[in-house]
Amino acid sequence: MAVPKRRVSKARRDKRRSNVWKLEAPTLEKCTKCGAYKRPHRVCPECGYYNGRQVIDVDKKDA
């Protein structure tokens, strides 16, 4: 059975347990055109709009 050779210091233990390493859910914002949730600074996957203008024709993309 593996046994630690030395005691883990409080600083090392707390560094490992800190929230710095834990993943977060990606931030989402509502599209101004259709109201669907999307990632910031990206084209809306539902309507194809970005920054108030249509960038992608969603109807063509599905076909």
N, C-alpha and C. Protein backbone atom coordinates (compact mmCIF):
# COMPACT_ATOMS: atom_id res chain seq x y z
N MET A 1 0.84 -1.17 0.00
CA MET A 1 0.00 0.00 0.00
C MET A 1 0.89 1.24 0.00
N ALA A 2 0.54 2.23 -0.84
CA ALA A 2 1.34 3.45 -0.95
C ALA A 2 1.10 4.34 0.25
N VAL A 3 2.18 4.79 0.85
CA VAL A 3 2.10 5.69 2.00
C VAL A 3 2.93 6.92 1.68
N PRO A 4 2.40 8.15 1.90
CA PRO A 4 3.18 9.36 1.62
C PRO A 4 4.43 9.41 2.47
N LYS A 5 5.53 9.79 1.84
CA LYS A 5 6.80 9.85 2.56
C LYS A 5 6.85 11.05 3.49
N ARG A 6 6.26 12.18 3.05
CA ARG A 6 6.26 13.39 3.86
C ARG A 6 4.84 13.93 3.96
N ARG A 7 4.60 14.70 4.98
CA ARG A 7 3.29 15.31 5.20
C ARG A 7 3.09 16.45 4.19
N VAL A 8 1.90 16.55 3.65
CA VAL A 8 1.60 17.61 2.69
C VAL A 8 1.36 18.91 3.47
N SER A 9 2.05 19.97 3.05
CA SER A 9 1.90 21.24 3.76
C SER A 9 0.52 21.84 3.53
N LYS A 10 0.11 22.74 4.41
CA LYS A 10 -1.20 23.38 4.30
C LYS A 10 -1.31 24.19 3.02
N ALA A 11 -0.23 24.84 2.63
CA ALA A 11 -0.25 25.66 1.41
C ALA A 11 -0.46 24.78 0.18
N ARG A 12 0.25 23.66 0.10
CA ARG A 12 0.12 22.76 -1.04
C ARG A 12 -1.28 22.12 -1.07
N ARG A 13 -1.76 21.73 0.10
CA ARG A 13 -3.09 21.12 0.19
C ARG A 13 -4.17 22.12 -0.23
N ASP A 14 -4.08 23.35 0.26
CA ASP A 14 -5.09 24.36 -0.05
C ASP A 14 -5.01 24.81 -1.50
N LYS A 15 -3.80 24.82 -2.06
CA LYS A 15 -3.65 25.16 -3.48
C LYS A 15 -4.37 24.14 -4.36
N ARG A 16 -4.27 22.89 -3.99
CA ARG A 16 -4.92 21.83 -4.74
C ARG A 16 -6.44 21.92 -4.62
N ARG A 17 -6.93 22.33 -3.46
CA ARG A 17 -8.37 22.39 -3.22
C ARG A 17 -9.02 23.68 -3.71
N SER A 18 -8.21 24.65 -4.11
CA SER A 18 -8.76 25.96 -4.48
C SER A 18 -9.60 25.86 -5.75
N ASN A 19 -10.40 26.88 -5.99
CA ASN A 19 -11.30 26.90 -7.13
C ASN A 19 -10.63 27.38 -8.41
N VAL A 20 -9.35 27.64 -8.39
CA VAL A 20 -8.65 28.13 -9.57
C VAL A 20 -8.68 27.08 -10.68
N TRP A 21 -8.63 25.82 -10.31
CA TRP A 21 -8.50 24.75 -11.30
C TRP A 21 -9.83 24.22 -11.78
N LYS A 22 -10.92 24.60 -11.13
CA LYS A 22 -12.21 24.03 -11.48
C LYS A 22 -12.80 24.73 -12.70
N LEU A 23 -13.48 23.98 -13.55
CA LEU A 23 -14.06 24.53 -14.77
C LEU A 23 -15.33 25.31 -14.47
N GLU A 24 -15.58 26.32 -15.29
CA GLU A 24 -16.79 27.11 -15.18
C GLU A 24 -17.67 26.86 -16.40
N ALA A 25 -18.94 27.11 -16.24
CA ALA A 25 -19.84 27.03 -17.39
C ALA A 25 -19.57 28.23 -18.29
N PRO A 26 -19.66 28.07 -19.61
CA PRO A 26 -19.40 29.21 -20.49
C PRO A 26 -20.47 30.29 -20.32
N THR A 27 -20.06 31.55 -20.45
CA THR A 27 -21.00 32.64 -20.31
C THR A 27 -21.90 32.70 -21.54
N LEU A 28 -23.16 33.01 -21.30
CA LEU A 28 -24.13 33.09 -22.38
C LEU A 28 -24.84 34.43 -22.31
N GLU A 29 -25.23 34.94 -23.46
CA GLU A 29 -26.02 36.16 -23.51
C GLU A 29 -27.15 35.97 -24.51
N LYS A 30 -28.18 36.79 -24.38
CA LYS A 30 -29.34 36.67 -25.28
C LYS A 30 -29.05 37.40 -26.58
N CYS A 31 -29.48 36.80 -27.68
CA CYS A 31 -29.37 37.42 -29.00
C CYS A 31 -30.36 38.58 -29.05
N THR A 32 -29.91 39.72 -29.58
CA THR A 32 -30.78 40.89 -29.65
C THR A 32 -31.87 40.72 -30.70
N LYS A 33 -31.65 39.86 -31.67
CA LYS A 33 -32.62 39.66 -32.76
C LYS A 33 -33.71 38.66 -32.37
N CYS A 34 -33.30 37.44 -31.96
CA CYS A 34 -34.29 36.38 -31.72
C CYS A 34 -34.45 36.02 -30.25
N GLY A 35 -33.54 36.44 -29.39
CA GLY A 35 -33.66 36.16 -27.96
C GLY A 35 -33.09 34.83 -27.53
N ALA A 36 -32.49 34.07 -28.45
CA ALA A 36 -31.88 32.78 -28.09
C ALA A 36 -30.55 33.03 -27.38
N TYR A 37 -30.14 32.09 -26.55
CA TYR A 37 -28.87 32.22 -25.86
C TYR A 37 -27.73 31.85 -26.80
N LYS A 38 -26.64 32.64 -26.73
CA LYS A 38 -25.48 32.40 -27.58
C LYS A 38 -24.24 32.84 -26.83
N ARG A 39 -23.08 32.42 -27.33
CA ARG A 39 -21.81 32.84 -26.73
C ARG A 39 -21.53 34.28 -27.14
N PRO A 40 -20.89 35.08 -26.27
CA PRO A 40 -20.60 36.46 -26.64
C PRO A 40 -19.60 36.55 -27.80
N HIS A 41 -19.76 37.56 -28.63
CA HIS A 41 -18.87 37.84 -29.76
C HIS A 41 -18.88 36.73 -30.80
N ARG A 42 -20.03 36.06 -30.96
CA ARG A 42 -20.15 35.00 -31.95
C ARG A 42 -21.48 35.15 -32.67
N VAL A 43 -21.58 34.57 -33.86
CA VAL A 43 -22.81 34.61 -34.64
C VAL A 43 -23.85 33.76 -33.93
N CYS A 44 -25.08 34.24 -33.92
CA CYS A 44 -26.18 33.49 -33.30
C CYS A 44 -26.47 32.25 -34.15
N PRO A 45 -26.45 31.06 -33.56
CA PRO A 45 -26.71 29.85 -34.35
C PRO A 45 -28.16 29.71 -34.77
N GLU A 46 -29.08 30.42 -34.10
CA GLU A 46 -30.50 30.29 -34.42
C GLU A 46 -30.90 31.16 -35.61
N CYS A 47 -30.47 32.44 -35.60
CA CYS A 47 -30.92 33.35 -36.65
C CYS A 47 -29.81 33.79 -37.60
N GLY A 48 -28.54 33.61 -37.23
CA GLY A 48 -27.43 33.96 -38.11
C GLY A 48 -27.02 35.42 -38.06
N TYR A 49 -27.51 36.17 -37.07
CA TYR A 49 -27.17 37.58 -36.95
C TYR A 49 -25.98 37.78 -36.03
N TYR A 50 -25.19 38.80 -36.34
CA TYR A 50 -24.09 39.22 -35.48
C TYR A 50 -23.96 40.74 -35.60
N ASN A 51 -23.96 41.41 -34.49
CA ASN A 51 -23.78 42.87 -34.42
C ASN A 51 -24.84 43.61 -35.25
N GLY A 52 -26.08 43.11 -35.22
CA GLY A 52 -27.18 43.79 -35.87
C GLY A 52 -27.33 43.53 -37.36
N ARG A 53 -26.52 42.67 -37.95
CA ARG A 53 -26.66 42.37 -39.38
C ARG A 53 -26.57 40.88 -39.60
N GLN A 54 -27.18 40.41 -40.66
CA GLN A 54 -27.20 38.98 -40.95
C GLN A 54 -25.88 38.58 -41.60
N VAL A 55 -25.22 37.60 -41.00
CA VAL A 55 -23.94 37.13 -41.49
C VAL A 55 -24.08 35.79 -42.18
N ILE A 56 -24.93 34.92 -41.64
CA ILE A 56 -25.14 33.58 -42.17
C ILE A 56 -26.62 33.42 -42.49
N ASP A 57 -26.90 32.85 -43.66
CA ASP A 57 -28.27 32.53 -44.00
C ASP A 57 -28.58 31.16 -43.40
N VAL A 58 -29.35 31.14 -42.32
CA VAL A 58 -29.59 29.90 -41.58
C VAL A 58 -30.39 28.90 -42.41
N ASP A 59 -31.30 29.38 -43.26
CA ASP A 59 -32.07 28.47 -44.09
C ASP A 59 -31.19 27.69 -45.05
N LYS A 60 -30.17 28.34 -45.62
CA LYS A 60 -29.25 27.66 -46.55
C LYS A 60 -28.37 26.68 -45.79
N LYS A 61 -28.00 27.04 -44.55
CA LYS A 61 -27.10 26.19 -43.77
C LYS A 61 -27.73 24.84 -43.46
N ASP A 62 -29.05 24.82 -43.19
CA ASP A 62 -29.71 23.56 -42.88
C ASP A 62 -29.84 22.66 -44.09
N ALA A 63 -29.94 23.24 -45.28
CA ALA A 63 -30.15 22.45 -46.50
C ALA A 63 -28.90 21.72 -46.94
